[in-house]
Amino acid sequence: MRTGAKAAPKKKKGKKADAISMVYAFLQTYVDVPEDQHVALALWILWTHVCNRYQHAPRIVVTSATPECGKSSVFKIILAFGP
């Protein structure tokens, strides 16, 4: 950095970034899935808050090879965060 040059202002996190972080952290704590699926679930949960603005919607599918592994729990979490 040159002497006398001003540093670029730091970007402040907005409410959207805070919401994404909160949902993502909650999913990491309570849902045992690979990392990329935490991201997909967090984005899908947040999308449900703006879905009425669009004509098309992505779908989320929760499957497992074994019974009683937490699929219903994932749906309960999705409903808890829903609009």
Protein backbone atom coordinates (compact mmCIF):
# COMPACT_ATOMS: atom_id res chain seq x y z
CA MET A 1 0.00 0.00 0.00
CA ARG A 2 1.35 3.42 -0.87
CA THR A 3 1.91 5.98 1.81
CA GLY A 4 -1.09 8.27 2.13
CA ALA A 5 -3.36 5.94 0.15
CA LYS A 6 -6.66 5.10 1.78
CA ALA A 7 -7.62 1.50 2.31
CA ALA A 8 -10.81 0.32 0.65
CA PRO A 9 -13.73 0.34 3.07
CA LYS A 10 -14.71 -3.05 4.42
CA LYS A 11 -18.03 -4.34 3.21
CA LYS A 12 -20.58 -4.75 5.95
CA LYS A 13 -22.59 -7.91 6.09
CA GLY A 14 -26.24 -7.27 5.48
CA LYS A 15 -29.28 -9.06 6.78
CA LYS A 16 -29.16 -11.50 3.87
CA ALA A 17 -25.62 -12.61 4.68
CA ASP A 18 -26.55 -12.97 8.34
CA ALA A 19 -29.59 -15.09 7.46
CA ILE A 20 -27.56 -17.38 5.23
CA SER A 21 -24.89 -17.78 7.90
CA MET A 22 -27.47 -18.48 10.61
CA VAL A 23 -29.32 -21.14 8.61
CA TYR A 24 -26.08 -22.71 7.41
CA ALA A 25 -24.65 -22.90 10.95
CA PHE A 26 -27.88 -24.40 12.27
CA LEU A 27 -27.85 -27.07 9.56
CA GLN A 28 -24.21 -27.89 10.26
CA THR A 29 -25.07 -28.41 13.91
CA TYR A 30 -28.23 -30.50 13.54
CA VAL A 31 -28.12 -32.19 10.12
CA ASP A 32 -25.49 -34.80 9.33
CA VAL A 33 -24.99 -34.51 5.56
CA PRO A 34 -22.01 -33.66 3.34
CA GLU A 35 -20.96 -30.00 3.22
CA ASP A 36 -22.39 -29.29 -0.23
CA GLN A 37 -25.79 -30.48 0.95
CA HIS A 38 -25.71 -28.00 3.84
CA VAL A 39 -25.25 -25.27 1.25
CA ALA A 40 -28.08 -26.59 -0.93
CA LEU A 41 -30.46 -26.89 2.02
CA ALA A 42 -29.61 -23.41 3.33
CA LEU A 43 -30.13 -21.79 -0.07
CA TRP A 44 -33.38 -23.67 -0.63
CA ILE A 45 -34.72 -22.65 2.79
CA LEU A 46 -33.93 -19.00 2.08
CA TRP A 47 -35.43 -19.30 -1.41
CA THR A 48 -38.78 -20.24 0.15
CA HIS A 49 -39.04 -16.68 1.43
CA VAL A 50 -39.03 -15.23 -2.10
CA CYS A 51 -40.65 -18.07 -4.07
CA ASN A 52 -43.87 -16.13 -4.67
CA ARG A 53 -41.91 -13.76 -6.96
CA TYR A 54 -41.10 -16.48 -9.50
CA GLN A 55 -43.02 -18.73 -11.86
CA HIS A 56 -40.66 -21.69 -11.56
CA ALA A 57 -39.35 -23.39 -8.48
CA PRO A 58 -36.46 -25.72 -7.70
CA ARG A 59 -37.35 -28.88 -5.83
CA ILE A 60 -35.49 -30.45 -3.01
CA VAL A 61 -35.39 -34.22 -2.57
CA VAL A 62 -34.31 -35.85 0.67
CA THR A 63 -33.56 -39.54 0.31
CA SER A 64 -31.67 -42.23 2.17
CA ALA A 65 -30.71 -45.85 1.70
CA THR A 66 -31.68 -46.64 5.29
CA PRO A 67 -34.88 -45.97 7.21
CA GLU A 68 -35.03 -43.73 10.28
CA CYS A 69 -31.93 -41.73 9.41
CA GLY A 70 -33.36 -38.23 9.89
CA LYS A 71 -35.30 -37.39 6.72
CA SER A 72 -38.36 -36.31 8.72
CA SER A 73 -36.13 -34.24 10.99
CA VAL A 74 -34.75 -32.39 7.96
CA PHE A 75 -38.30 -31.60 6.85
CA LYS A 76 -39.17 -30.35 10.34
CA ILE A 77 -36.16 -28.03 10.23
CA ILE A 78 -37.17 -26.77 6.79
CA LEU A 79 -40.68 -26.07 8.08
CA ALA A 80 -39.29 -24.28 11.13
CA PHE A 81 -37.32 -21.86 8.94
CA GLY A 82 -40.08 -21.48 6.34
CA PRO A 83 -42.11 -18.34 5.82
